[in-house]
Amino acid sequence: MNLKIALIADPEIPVPPLLYGGIERIIDMLISEYIKEGYQVTLFAHQDSKTPAKLIAYKGKTSHDKLDIIQNTYLINKELFSNKYDVIHCFGRLLYLLPQFLNKTPKIMSYQREPTLKQVRAATRLARKNTLVFTGCSAYISNQIKPFAPAYPIFNGVDMNIYKLNTQIAEDAPFMFLGRIEPIKGTHIAIEIAQKTGNALIIAGNIPTEYQSYFDLEIKPHLNDSIQYIGPVNDLQKNQLLGSCKAFLMPILWNEPFGIVMAEALACGTPVIGFKRGSVPEVVISGLNGYSCDTTEEMIDLIKNIGALDRKKIRQDAESRFSSEAIANQYLALYTDLINKNK
């Protein structure tokens, strides 16, 4: 089946992104896999996107301004009504799909964040039967949708060609924290764990403007030769940093929908130690690729078990669950199922 696929991104960040932009990375990954299989792909995205897909660039710059939303919804649906697609897959606003609700064309809405269930219920009532389904980037997300609409968990993935397995780790290798520097990400807890276990720590990630005071008060005073902040990093830097660290710390204080950096660390063979919030218990298989726990004290206690984990097996698990091929195949199976139901 030579599928013609429409992929819809939000307008703020190009596909692929240069630095921050997890959803845009997933879309770029899927495009590469789909085109490799010979499928025709159209992408609705930021004008600076660099993609092998047919790019239809947004005029509206944001997904929040009403005029931008109207402009972009018109642009998307002008194309979708003008040309026949086998499947429409949206990673942006659910509203973009509204004009397509009565069409037979299969539609997938993928949530990478907490779903707005009121919108899910309304869309399910309005859409033609069996044409609209939802995915979540973890069961934590999809299970919230399931009582109201068909929903499936499909993890996010990473390009395994970017991240290399590293089995040779120095005795004094540091821990790694990578993410936005804000309280719910637990940067301050990562520092506490490093200090109490006598390990070095590398902190990487952007500081949102509204959390500059958090950085200045809770993070900066602890920086020294052992605990370093290096700012945002690109894919090449992430591969080097994650691959050479002892473990990746995920001491989150919120329900992270997925946390793609966990998959990036695992792709390097690096174990993840995280709190049991959101998707962490799904991604981290305790005793195989890391450990999940409830408290800082438990995390400190688990540090001593890291050396027993096999970094080759961690990489193998990452390939089977988070590779671009594995993720693309799950979406393609869903596409095929929906297409067959709507013949």
C-alpha atoms as a PDB file:
ATOM      1  CA  MET A   1       0.000   0.000   0.000  1.00  0.00           C
ATOM      2  CA  ASN A   2       1.547   3.317  -1.128  1.00  0.00           C
ATOM      3  CA  LEU A   3       0.248   5.586   1.612  1.00  0.00           C
ATOM      4  CA  LYS A   4      -0.209   9.321   1.279  1.00  0.00           C
ATOM      5  CA  ILE A   5       0.244  10.746   4.774  1.00  0.00           C
ATOM      6  CA  ALA A   6      -0.389  14.251   6.134  1.00  0.00           C
ATOM      7  CA  LEU A   7       1.580  15.167   9.262  1.00  0.00           C
ATOM      8  CA  ILE A   8       0.604  18.278  11.241  1.00  0.00           C
ATOM      9  CA  ALA A   9       3.020  20.016  13.620  1.00  0.00           C
ATOM     10  CA  ASP A  10       2.600  23.142  15.719  1.00  0.00           C
ATOM     11  CA  PRO A  11       3.922  26.357  14.116  1.00  0.00           C
ATOM     12  CA  GLU A  12       6.424  27.537  16.729  1.00  0.00           C
ATOM     13  CA  ILE A  13       9.469  25.286  16.107  1.00  0.00           C
ATOM     14  CA  PRO A  14      11.005  24.027  12.826  1.00  0.00           C
ATOM     15  CA  VAL A  15      11.142  20.318  11.991  1.00  0.00           C
ATOM     16  CA  PRO A  16      13.681  19.145  13.004  1.00  0.00           C
ATOM     17  CA  PRO A  17      14.535  21.552  15.838  1.00  0.00           C
ATOM     18  CA  LEU A  18      18.062  22.806  16.468  1.00  0.00           C
ATOM     19  CA  LEU A  19      17.872  22.516  20.258  1.00  0.00           C
ATOM     20  CA  TYR A  20      14.638  22.212  22.240  1.00  0.00           C
ATOM     21  CA  GLY A  21      11.682  20.558  20.492  1.00  0.00           C
ATOM     22  CA  GLY A  22      10.881  16.961  21.401  1.00  0.00           C
ATOM     23  CA  ILE A  23       7.665  16.682  19.352  1.00  0.00           C
ATOM     24  CA  GLU A  24       9.381  18.106  16.289  1.00  0.00           C
ATOM     25  CA  ARG A  25      12.120  15.481  16.629  1.00  0.00           C
ATOM     26  CA  ILE A  26       9.510  12.721  16.647  1.00  0.00           C
ATOM     27  CA  ILE A  27       7.832  14.106  13.533  1.00  0.00           C
ATOM     28  CA  ASP A  28      11.171  14.359  11.730  1.00  0.00           C
ATOM     29  CA  MET A  29      11.992  10.787  12.719  1.00  0.00           C
ATOM     30  CA  LEU A  30       8.658   9.502  11.386  1.00  0.00           C
ATOM     31  CA  ILE A  31       9.095  11.386   8.106  1.00  0.00           C
ATOM     32  CA  SER A  32      12.482   9.732   7.548  1.00  0.00           C
ATOM     33  CA  GLU A  33      11.054   6.274   8.186  1.00  0.00           C
ATOM     34  CA  TYR A  34       7.953   6.825   6.052  1.00  0.00           C
ATOM     35  CA  ILE A  35       9.905   8.151   3.075  1.00  0.00           C
ATOM     36  CA  LYS A  36      12.360   5.250   3.431  1.00  0.00           C
ATOM     37  CA  GLU A  37       9.332   2.955   2.968  1.00  0.00           C
ATOM     38  CA  GLY A  38       8.301   4.858  -0.177  1.00  0.00           C
ATOM     39  CA  TYR A  39       5.294   6.689   1.265  1.00  0.00           C
ATOM     40  CA  GLN A  40       4.283  10.201   0.219  1.00  0.00           C
ATOM     41  CA  VAL A  41       4.424  12.624   3.134  1.00  0.00           C
ATOM     42  CA  THR A  42       3.159  16.200   3.427  1.00  0.00           C
ATOM     43  CA  LEU A  43       4.225  18.221   6.466  1.00  0.00           C
ATOM     44  CA  PHE A  44       2.467  21.303   7.827  1.00  0.00           C
ATOM     45  CA  ALA A  45       5.077  23.126   9.906  1.00  0.00           C
ATOM     46  CA  HIS A  46       7.264  26.169  10.569  1.00  0.00           C
ATOM     47  CA  GLN A  47       8.650  27.808   7.421  1.00  0.00           C
ATOM     48  CA  ASP A  48      12.271  27.084   8.428  1.00  0.00           C
ATOM     49  CA  SER A  49      11.710  23.319   8.544  1.00  0.00           C
ATOM     50  CA  LYS A  50      14.290  21.269   6.613  1.00  0.00           C
ATOM     51  CA  THR A  51      12.472  18.142   5.518  1.00  0.00           C
ATOM     52  CA  PRO A  52      12.384  15.594   2.679  1.00  0.00           C
ATOM     53  CA  ALA A  53       8.579  15.720   2.950  1.00  0.00           C
ATOM     54  CA  LYS A  54       6.476  18.161   0.944  1.00  0.00           C
ATOM     55  CA  LEU A  55       6.468  21.216   3.226  1.00  0.00           C
ATOM     56  CA  ILE A  56       3.446  23.479   3.529  1.00  0.00           C
ATOM     57  CA  ALA A  57       4.651  26.374   5.687  1.00  0.00           C
ATOM     58  CA  TYR A  58       2.397  28.098   8.181  1.00  0.00           C
ATOM     59  CA  LYS A  59       1.596  31.789   7.926  1.00  0.00           C
ATOM     60  CA  GLY A  60       0.517  32.008  11.589  1.00  0.00           C
ATOM     61  CA  LYS A  61       3.493  31.958  13.941  1.00  0.00           C
ATOM     62  CA  THR A  62       1.876  30.586  17.119  1.00  0.00           C
ATOM     63  CA  SER A  63      -0.671  27.976  18.206  1.00  0.00           C
ATOM     64  CA  HIS A  64      -2.252  30.337  20.755  1.00  0.00           C
ATOM     65  CA  ASP A  65      -3.144  33.539  18.900  1.00  0.00           C
ATOM     66  CA  LYS A  66      -6.699  33.323  17.506  1.00  0.00           C
ATOM     67  CA  LEU A  67      -5.820  34.868  14.143  1.00  0.00           C
ATOM     68  CA  ASP A  68      -2.825  32.545  13.748  1.00  0.00           C
ATOM     69  CA  ILE A  69      -4.995  29.526  14.577  1.00  0.00           C
ATOM     70  CA  ILE A  70      -7.607  30.549  11.982  1.00  0.00           C
ATOM     71  CA  GLN A  71      -4.929  31.160   9.322  1.00  0.00           C
ATOM     72  CA  ASN A  72      -3.224  27.830   9.967  1.00  0.00           C
ATOM     73  CA  THR A  73      -6.473  25.837  10.177  1.00  0.00           C
ATOM     74  CA  TYR A  74      -7.502  27.305   6.818  1.00  0.00           C
ATOM     75  CA  LEU A  75      -4.103  26.504   5.274  1.00  0.00           C
ATOM     76  CA  ILE A  76      -4.184  22.883   6.491  1.00  0.00           C
ATOM     77  CA  ASN A  77      -7.726  22.173   5.394  1.00  0.00           C
ATOM     78  CA  LYS A  78      -7.414  23.898   2.038  1.00  0.00           C
ATOM     79  CA  GLU A  79      -4.769  21.295   1.210  1.00  0.00           C
ATOM     80  CA  LEU A  80      -6.641  18.379   2.803  1.00  0.00           C
ATOM     81  CA  PHE A  81      -9.845  19.169   0.902  1.00  0.00           C
ATOM     82  CA  SER A  82      -7.970  19.755  -2.362  1.00  0.00           C
ATOM     83  CA  ASN A  83      -5.960  16.532  -2.311  1.00  0.00           C
ATOM     84  CA  LYS A  84      -6.899  13.073  -1.078  1.00  0.00           C
ATOM     85  CA  TYR A  85      -4.851  11.641   1.784  1.00  0.00           C
ATOM     86  CA  ASP A  86      -4.960   8.118   3.171  1.00  0.00           C
ATOM     87  CA  VAL A  87      -4.396   9.284   6.736  1.00  0.00           C
ATOM     88  CA  ILE A  88      -4.103  12.574   8.645  1.00  0.00           C
ATOM     89  CA  HIS A  89      -1.858  12.532  11.704  1.00  0.00           C
ATOM     90  CA  CYS A  90      -1.856  15.579  13.970  1.00  0.00           C
ATOM     91  CA  PHE A  91       0.733  16.441  16.617  1.00  0.00           C
ATOM     92  CA  GLY A  92      -0.555  20.015  16.877  1.00  0.00           C
ATOM     93  CA  ARG A  93      -3.918  21.386  17.976  1.00  0.00           C
ATOM     94  CA  LEU A  94      -6.985  19.140  17.802  1.00  0.00           C
ATOM     95  CA  LEU A  95      -8.850  22.147  16.397  1.00  0.00           C
ATOM     96  CA  TYR A  96      -6.873  21.846  13.145  1.00  0.00           C
ATOM     97  CA  LEU A  97      -8.798  18.621  12.429  1.00  0.00           C
ATOM     98  CA  LEU A  98     -12.281  20.019  13.062  1.00  0.00           C
ATOM     99  CA  PRO A  99     -13.192  20.638   9.387  1.00  0.00           C
ATOM    100  CA  GLN A 100     -12.239  17.010   8.640  1.00  0.00           C
ATOM    101  CA  PHE A 101     -14.430  15.395  11.287  1.00  0.00           C
ATOM    102  CA  LEU A 102     -17.209  14.312   8.934  1.00  0.00           C
ATOM    103  CA  ASN A 103     -14.829  12.936   6.296  1.00  0.00           C
ATOM    104  CA  LYS A 104     -14.051   9.229   5.985  1.00  0.00           C
ATOM    105  CA  THR A 105     -10.315   9.931   6.022  1.00  0.00           C
ATOM    106  CA  PRO A 106      -8.726   8.329   9.121  1.00  0.00           C
ATOM    107  CA  LYS A 107      -7.468  10.884  11.632  1.00  0.00           C
ATOM    108  CA  ILE A 108      -5.022  10.380  14.490  1.00  0.00           C
ATOM    109  CA  MET A 109      -4.503  12.954  17.210  1.00  0.00           C
ATOM    110  CA  SER A 110      -1.281  12.344  19.139  1.00  0.00           C
ATOM    111  CA  TYR A 111      -0.871  13.810  22.591  1.00  0.00           C
ATOM    112  CA  GLN A 112       2.606  14.468  23.899  1.00  0.00           C
ATOM    113  CA  ARG A 113       1.244  16.314  26.925  1.00  0.00           C
ATOM    114  CA  GLU A 114      -1.731  16.159  29.274  1.00  0.00           C
ATOM    115  CA  PRO A 115      -4.907  15.832  27.134  1.00  0.00           C
ATOM    116  CA  THR A 116      -7.786  18.265  27.421  1.00  0.00           C
ATOM    117  CA  LEU A 117     -10.520  15.684  28.003  1.00  0.00           C
ATOM    118  CA  LYS A 118     -13.353  18.137  27.341  1.00  0.00           C
ATOM    119  CA  GLN A 119     -11.995  18.575  23.803  1.00  0.00           C
ATOM    120  CA  VAL A 120     -11.502  14.823  23.394  1.00  0.00           C
ATOM    121  CA  ARG A 121     -15.130  14.144  24.328  1.00  0.00           C
ATOM    122  CA  ALA A 122     -16.459  16.867  22.030  1.00  0.00           C
ATOM    123  CA  ALA A 123     -14.326  15.721  19.085  1.00  0.00           C
ATOM    124  CA  THR A 124     -15.393  12.113  19.539  1.00  0.00           C
ATOM    125  CA  ARG A 125     -19.076  13.122  19.462  1.00  0.00           C
ATOM    126  CA  LEU A 126     -18.606  15.240  16.324  1.00  0.00           C
ATOM    127  CA  ALA A 127     -16.352  12.956  14.289  1.00  0.00           C
ATOM    128  CA  ARG A 128     -17.590  10.319  11.904  1.00  0.00           C
ATOM    129  CA  LYS A 129     -17.604   6.899  13.570  1.00  0.00           C
ATOM    130  CA  ASN A 130     -14.318   4.956  13.477  1.00  0.00           C
ATOM    131  CA  THR A 131     -12.401   7.818  11.816  1.00  0.00           C
ATOM    132  CA  LEU A 132     -10.819   9.539  14.821  1.00  0.00           C
ATOM    133  CA  VAL A 133      -8.492   7.903  17.333  1.00  0.00           C
ATOM    134  CA  PHE A 134      -5.953   9.188  19.814  1.00  0.00           C
ATOM    135  CA  THR A 135      -2.486   8.176  20.886  1.00  0.00           C
ATOM    136  CA  GLY A 136      -0.524   9.112  23.973  1.00  0.00           C
ATOM    137  CA  CYS A 137       3.259   9.085  24.258  1.00  0.00           C
ATOM    138  CA  SER A 138       2.803   6.782  27.246  1.00  0.00           C
ATOM    139  CA  ALA A 139       0.062   4.710  28.851  1.00  0.00           C
ATOM    140  CA  TYR A 140      -0.010   7.421  31.520  1.00  0.00           C
ATOM    141  CA  ILE A 141      -1.423   9.748  28.809  1.00  0.00           C
ATOM    142  CA  SER A 142      -3.516   7.308  26.741  1.00  0.00           C
ATOM    143  CA  ASN A 143      -5.207   5.848  29.827  1.00  0.00           C
ATOM    144  CA  GLN A 144      -6.666   9.273  30.581  1.00  0.00           C
ATOM    145  CA  ILE A 145      -8.319   9.319  27.137  1.00  0.00           C
ATOM    146  CA  LYS A 146      -9.517   5.704  27.005  1.00  0.00           C
ATOM    147  CA  PRO A 147     -12.770   6.218  28.976  1.00  0.00           C
ATOM    148  CA  PHE A 148     -13.943   8.684  26.290  1.00  0.00           C
ATOM    149  CA  ALA A 149     -12.372   7.604  22.976  1.00  0.00           C
ATOM    150  CA  PRO A 150     -10.184   4.954  21.325  1.00  0.00           C
ATOM    151  CA  ALA A 151      -6.647   5.611  22.570  1.00  0.00           C
ATOM    152  CA  TYR A 152      -3.332   3.795  22.237  1.00  0.00           C
ATOM    153  CA  PRO A 153       0.045   4.217  23.920  1.00  0.00           C
ATOM    154  CA  ILE A 154       2.914   4.713  21.470  1.00  0.00           C
ATOM    155  CA  PHE A 155       6.193   5.797  23.011  1.00  0.00           C
ATOM    156  CA  ASN A 156       8.350   8.518  21.571  1.00  0.00           C
ATOM    157  CA  GLY A 157      11.583   7.338  20.022  1.00  0.00           C
ATOM    158  CA  VAL A 158      15.077   8.414  19.120  1.00  0.00           C
ATOM    159  CA  ASP A 159      17.375   8.046  16.140  1.00  0.00           C
ATOM    160  CA  MET A 160      19.630   5.184  17.211  1.00  0.00           C
ATOM    161  CA  ASN A 161      22.215   6.334  14.644  1.00  0.00           C
ATOM    162  CA  ILE A 162      22.793   9.515  16.669  1.00  0.00           C
ATOM    163  CA  TYR A 163      23.255   7.820  20.038  1.00  0.00           C
ATOM    164  CA  LYS A 164      26.073   5.304  20.374  1.00  0.00           C
ATOM    165  CA  LEU A 165      26.489   2.551  22.932  1.00  0.00           C
ATOM    166  CA  ASN A 166      29.371   3.226  25.309  1.00  0.00           C
ATOM    167  CA  THR A 167      30.402   0.376  27.606  1.00  0.00           C
ATOM    168  CA  GLN A 168      33.678   1.905  28.814  1.00  0.00           C
ATOM    169  CA  ILE A 169      32.795   4.247  31.662  1.00  0.00           C
ATOM    170  CA  ALA A 170      35.417   5.889  33.846  1.00  0.00           C
ATOM    171  CA  GLU A 171      35.442   5.045  37.540  1.00  0.00           C
ATOM    172  CA  ASP A 172      34.865   8.711  38.401  1.00  0.00           C
ATOM    173  CA  ALA A 173      32.301   9.325  35.633  1.00  0.00           C
ATOM    174  CA  PRO A 174      29.700  11.946  36.557  1.00  0.00           C
ATOM    175  CA  PHE A 175      25.948  11.722  36.829  1.00  0.00           C
ATOM    176  CA  MET A 176      23.966  13.682  34.234  1.00  0.00           C
ATOM    177  CA  PHE A 177      20.929  15.915  34.483  1.00  0.00           C
ATOM    178  CA  LEU A 178      19.495  17.169  31.197  1.00  0.00           C
ATOM    179  CA  GLY A 179      16.289  19.162  30.921  1.00  0.00           C
ATOM    180  CA  ARG A 180      14.749  22.554  31.517  1.00  0.00           C
ATOM    181  CA  ILE A 181      16.104  24.098  34.677  1.00  0.00           C
ATOM    182  CA  GLU A 182      12.949  24.497  36.746  1.00  0.00           C
ATOM    183  CA  PRO A 183      11.678  23.113  40.063  1.00  0.00           C
ATOM    184  CA  ILE A 184       9.390  20.364  38.681  1.00  0.00           C
ATOM    185  CA  LYS A 185      12.322  18.853  36.782  1.00  0.00           C
ATOM    186  CA  GLY A 186      14.154  18.358  40.067  1.00  0.00           C
ATOM    187  CA  THR A 187      17.526  19.898  39.190  1.00  0.00           C
ATOM    188  CA  HIS A 188      18.065  20.760  42.872  1.00  0.00           C
ATOM    189  CA  ILE A 189      17.387  17.138  43.834  1.00  0.00           C
ATOM    190  CA  ALA A 190      19.971  15.913  41.306  1.00  0.00           C
ATOM    191  CA  ILE A 191      22.503  18.197  43.015  1.00  0.00           C
ATOM    192  CA  GLU A 192      21.546  16.839  46.441  1.00  0.00           C
ATOM    193  CA  ILE A 193      21.966  13.243  45.234  1.00  0.00           C
ATOM    194  CA  ALA A 194      25.372  13.978  43.697  1.00  0.00           C
ATOM    195  CA  GLN A 195      26.557  15.669  46.863  1.00  0.00           C
ATOM    196  CA  LYS A 196      25.341  12.941  49.209  1.00  0.00           C
ATOM    197  CA  THR A 197      26.824  10.125  47.104  1.00  0.00           C
ATOM    198  CA  GLY A 198      30.115  11.900  46.431  1.00  0.00           C
ATOM    199  CA  ASN A 199      29.640  11.941  42.645  1.00  0.00           C
ATOM    200  CA  ALA A 200      30.270  14.645  40.089  1.00  0.00           C
ATOM    201  CA  LEU A 201      27.256  16.025  38.188  1.00  0.00           C
ATOM    202  CA  ILE A 202      26.883  17.694  34.811  1.00  0.00           C
ATOM    203  CA  ILE A 203      23.748  19.812  34.405  1.00  0.00           C
ATOM    204  CA  ALA A 204      22.625  20.731  30.889  1.00  0.00           C
ATOM    205  CA  GLY A 205      19.509  22.461  29.601  1.00  0.00           C
ATOM    206  CA  ASN A 206      17.914  25.831  29.090  1.00  0.00           C
ATOM    207  CA  ILE A 207      16.838  28.179  31.861  1.00  0.00           C
ATOM    208  CA  PRO A 208      13.315  29.522  31.173  1.00  0.00           C
ATOM    209  CA  THR A 209      13.133  33.251  31.887  1.00  0.00           C
ATOM    210  CA  GLU A 210      10.526  32.740  34.590  1.00  0.00           C
ATOM    211  CA  TYR A 211      12.852  30.349  36.451  1.00  0.00           C
ATOM    212  CA  GLN A 212      16.023  32.428  36.399  1.00  0.00           C
ATOM    213  CA  SER A 213      15.583  33.150  40.114  1.00  0.00           C
ATOM    214  CA  TYR A 214      15.306  29.386  40.798  1.00  0.00           C
ATOM    215  CA  PHE A 215      18.633  28.890  39.040  1.00  0.00           C
ATOM    216  CA  ASP A 216      20.229  31.824  40.848  1.00  0.00           C
ATOM    217  CA  LEU A 217      19.053  30.732  44.312  1.00  0.00           C
ATOM    218  CA  GLU A 218      18.879  26.916  44.177  1.00  0.00           C
ATOM    219  CA  ILE A 219      21.414  25.867  41.540  1.00  0.00           C
ATOM    220  CA  LYS A 220      24.152  28.460  41.051  1.00  0.00           C
ATOM    221  CA  PRO A 221      25.389  28.478  44.694  1.00  0.00           C
ATOM    222  CA  HIS A 222      26.226  24.749  44.408  1.00  0.00           C
ATOM    223  CA  LEU A 223      28.248  24.978  41.189  1.00  0.00           C
ATOM    224  CA  ASN A 224      31.934  24.104  41.450  1.00  0.00           C
ATOM    225  CA  ASP A 225      34.495  21.798  39.839  1.00  0.00           C
ATOM    226  CA  SER A 226      32.341  18.745  40.637  1.00  0.00           C
ATOM    227  CA  ILE A 227      28.902  20.164  39.854  1.00  0.00           C
ATOM    228  CA  GLN A 228      28.869  22.002  36.533  1.00  0.00           C
ATOM    229  CA  TYR A 229      26.184  23.743  34.488  1.00  0.00           C
ATOM    230  CA  ILE A 230      27.002  23.802  30.757  1.00  0.00           C
ATOM    231  CA  GLY A 231      23.818  25.293  29.223  1.00  0.00           C
ATOM    232  CA  PRO A 232      21.732  23.889  26.339  1.00  0.00           C
ATOM    233  CA  VAL A 233      23.284  21.108  24.250  1.00  0.00           C
ATOM    234  CA  ASN A 234      22.731  19.728  20.738  1.00  0.00           C
ATOM    235  CA  ASP A 235      22.433  16.091  19.649  1.00  0.00           C
ATOM    236  CA  LEU A 236      26.184  15.551  19.173  1.00  0.00           C
ATOM    237  CA  GLN A 237      26.904  16.948  22.629  1.00  0.00           C
ATOM    238  CA  LYS A 238      24.114  14.882  24.172  1.00  0.00           C
ATOM    239  CA  ASN A 239      25.512  11.690  22.662  1.00  0.00           C
ATOM    240  CA  GLN A 240      28.950  12.404  24.118  1.00  0.00           C
ATOM    241  CA  LEU A 241      27.688  13.532  27.535  1.00  0.00           C
ATOM    242  CA  LEU A 242      25.022  10.882  28.069  1.00  0.00           C
ATOM    243  CA  GLY A 243      27.272   8.121  26.788  1.00  0.00           C
ATOM    244  CA  SER A 244      30.111   8.964  29.157  1.00  0.00           C
ATOM    245  CA  CYS A 245      28.116   9.452  32.362  1.00  0.00           C
ATOM    246  CA  LYS A 246      27.552   6.905  35.123  1.00  0.00           C
ATOM    247  CA  ALA A 247      23.771   7.333  35.182  1.00  0.00           C
ATOM    248  CA  PHE A 248      21.083   9.749  34.113  1.00  0.00           C
ATOM    249  CA  LEU A 249      19.090  11.259  36.978  1.00  0.00           C
ATOM    250  CA  MET A 250      15.359  11.895  36.526  1.00  0.00           C
ATOM    251  CA  PRO A 251      14.189  13.218  39.939  1.00  0.00           C
ATOM    252  CA  ILE A 252      11.001  14.780  38.545  1.00  0.00           C
ATOM    253  CA  LEU A 253       8.362  16.367  40.753  1.00  0.00           C
ATOM    254  CA  TRP A 254       5.577  16.207  38.174  1.00  0.00           C
ATOM    255  CA  ASN A 255       3.953  13.609  35.924  1.00  0.00           C
ATOM    256  CA  GLU A 256       6.243  13.706  32.893  1.00  0.00           C
ATOM    257  CA  PRO A 257       4.231  12.499  29.851  1.00  0.00           C
ATOM    258  CA  PHE A 258       7.288  10.786  28.378  1.00  0.00           C
ATOM    259  CA  GLY A 259      10.677  12.409  28.864  1.00  0.00           C
ATOM    260  CA  ILE A 260      12.503  11.706  25.624  1.00  0.00           C
ATOM    261  CA  VAL A 261      15.864  12.292  27.284  1.00  0.00           C
ATOM    262  CA  MET A 262      15.355   8.988  29.117  1.00  0.00           C
ATOM    263  CA  ALA A 263      15.236   7.167  25.770  1.00  0.00           C
ATOM    264  CA  GLU A 264      18.299   9.118  24.592  1.00  0.00           C
ATOM    265  CA  ALA A 265      20.246   8.048  27.672  1.00  0.00           C
ATOM    266  CA  LEU A 266      19.152   4.418  27.320  1.00  0.00           C
ATOM    267  CA  ALA A 267      20.208   4.467  23.654  1.00  0.00           C
ATOM    268  CA  CYS A 268      23.737   5.209  24.901  1.00  0.00           C
ATOM    269  CA  GLY A 269      23.514   2.259  27.279  1.00  0.00           C
ATOM    270  CA  THR A 270      23.293   4.636  30.230  1.00  0.00           C
ATOM    271  CA  PRO A 271      20.962   3.620  33.067  1.00  0.00           C
ATOM    272  CA  VAL A 272      18.187   5.935  34.249  1.00  0.00           C
ATOM    273  CA  ILE A 273      17.251   6.462  37.887  1.00  0.00           C
ATOM    274  CA  GLY A 274      13.985   8.333  38.278  1.00  0.00           C
ATOM    275  CA  PHE A 275      11.013   8.989  40.489  1.00  0.00           C
ATOM    276  CA  LYS A 276       7.830   6.993  39.830  1.00  0.00           C
ATOM    277  CA  ARG A 277       5.915   9.839  38.234  1.00  0.00           C
ATOM    278  CA  GLY A 278       4.122   9.943  34.871  1.00  0.00           C
ATOM    279  CA  SER A 279       5.795   7.676  32.313  1.00  0.00           C
ATOM    280  CA  VAL A 280       8.923   6.838  34.314  1.00  0.00           C
ATOM    281  CA  PRO A 281       7.655   3.430  35.570  1.00  0.00           C
ATOM    282  CA  GLU A 282       6.858   2.461  31.946  1.00  0.00           C
ATOM    283  CA  VAL A 283      10.198   3.529  30.486  1.00  0.00           C
ATOM    284  CA  VAL A 284      12.434   2.375  33.339  1.00  0.00           C
ATOM    285  CA  ILE A 285      12.406  -1.367  33.940  1.00  0.00           C
ATOM    286  CA  SER A 286      13.975  -1.668  37.366  1.00  0.00           C
ATOM    287  CA  GLY A 287      16.953  -3.997  37.372  1.00  0.00           C
ATOM    288  CA  LEU A 288      17.282  -3.968  33.570  1.00  0.00           C
ATOM    289  CA  ASN A 289      17.819  -0.391  32.389  1.00  0.00           C
ATOM    290  CA  GLY A 290      17.813   1.514  35.663  1.00  0.00           C
ATOM    291  CA  TYR A 291      15.635   1.965  38.710  1.00  0.00           C
ATOM    292  CA  SER A 292      12.468   3.855  39.608  1.00  0.00           C
ATOM    293  CA  CYS A 293      11.708   4.880  43.161  1.00  0.00           C
ATOM    294  CA  ASP A 294       9.620   7.198  45.309  1.00  0.00           C
ATOM    295  CA  THR A 295      12.025   9.226  47.428  1.00  0.00           C
ATOM    296  CA  THR A 296      15.411  10.905  47.377  1.00  0.00           C
ATOM    297  CA  GLU A 297      16.621   8.478  50.053  1.00  0.00           C
ATOM    298  CA  GLU A 298      15.636   5.491  47.883  1.00  0.00           C
ATOM    299  CA  MET A 299      17.398   7.031  44.880  1.00  0.00           C
ATOM    300  CA  ILE A 300      20.579   7.512  46.897  1.00  0.00           C
ATOM    301  CA  ASP A 301      20.371   3.902  48.074  1.00  0.00           C
ATOM    302  CA  LEU A 302      19.926   2.593  44.524  1.00  0.00           C
ATOM    303  CA  ILE A 303      23.039   4.369  43.250  1.00  0.00           C
ATOM    304  CA  LYS A 304      25.227   1.518  44.520  1.00  0.00           C
ATOM    305  CA  ASN A 305      23.435  -0.963  42.208  1.00  0.00           C
ATOM    306  CA  ILE A 306      24.233   0.865  38.971  1.00  0.00           C
ATOM    307  CA  GLY A 307      27.418  -1.103  38.304  1.00  0.00           C
ATOM    308  CA  ALA A 308      25.450  -4.358  38.124  1.00  0.00           C
ATOM    309  CA  LEU A 309      23.454  -3.196  35.095  1.00  0.00           C
ATOM    310  CA  ASP A 310      24.562  -4.384  31.635  1.00  0.00           C
ATOM    311  CA  ARG A 311      24.915  -1.382  29.326  1.00  0.00           C
ATOM    312  CA  LYS A 312      24.667  -3.629  26.232  1.00  0.00           C
ATOM    313  CA  LYS A 313      21.288  -4.932  27.424  1.00  0.00           C
ATOM    314  CA  ILE A 314      20.175  -1.369  28.130  1.00  0.00           C
ATOM    315  CA  ARG A 315      20.955  -0.453  24.523  1.00  0.00           C
ATOM    316  CA  GLN A 316      19.170  -3.566  23.227  1.00  0.00           C
ATOM    317  CA  ASP A 317      16.047  -2.671  25.201  1.00  0.00           C
ATOM    318  CA  ALA A 318      16.198   0.871  23.814  1.00  0.00           C
ATOM    319  CA  GLU A 319      16.430  -0.454  20.249  1.00  0.00           C
ATOM    320  CA  SER A 320      13.428  -2.736  20.705  1.00  0.00           C
ATOM    321  CA  ARG A 321      11.167  -0.105  22.292  1.00  0.00           C
ATOM    322  CA  PHE A 322      12.417   3.363  21.281  1.00  0.00           C
ATOM    323  CA  SER A 323      14.088   3.086  17.866  1.00  0.00           C
ATOM    324  CA  SER A 324      12.639   5.113  15.007  1.00  0.00           C
ATOM    325  CA  GLU A 325      11.763   1.852  13.213  1.00  0.00           C
ATOM    326  CA  ALA A 326       9.865   0.495  16.215  1.00  0.00           C
ATOM    327  CA  ILE A 327       7.869   3.704  16.697  1.00  0.00           C
ATOM    328  CA  ALA A 328       7.137   4.190  12.978  1.00  0.00           C
ATOM    329  CA  ASN A 329       5.964   0.576  12.653  1.00  0.00           C
ATOM    330  CA  GLN A 330       3.492   1.051  15.505  1.00  0.00           C
ATOM    331  CA  TYR A 331       2.020   4.151  13.895  1.00  0.00           C
ATOM    332  CA  LEU A 332       1.887   2.473  10.476  1.00  0.00           C
ATOM    333  CA  ALA A 333       0.040  -0.510  11.972  1.00  0.00           C
ATOM    334  CA  LEU A 334      -2.484   1.926  13.453  1.00  0.00           C
ATOM    335  CA  TYR A 335      -2.845   3.722  10.103  1.00  0.00           C
ATOM    336  CA  THR A 336      -3.478   0.433   8.311  1.00  0.00           C
ATOM    337  CA  ASP A 337      -6.066  -0.656  10.846  1.00  0.00           C
ATOM    338  CA  LEU A 338      -7.952   2.631  10.534  1.00  0.00           C
ATOM    339  CA  ILE A 339      -7.797   2.614   6.737  1.00  0.00           C
ATOM    340  CA  ASN A 340      -9.204  -0.923   6.630  1.00  0.00           C
ATOM    341  CA  LYS A 341     -12.056   0.072   8.961  1.00  0.00           C
ATOM    342  CA  ASN A 342     -13.017   2.959   6.689  1.00  0.00           C
ATOM    343  CA  LYS A 343     -12.920   1.283   3.306  1.00  0.00           C
END
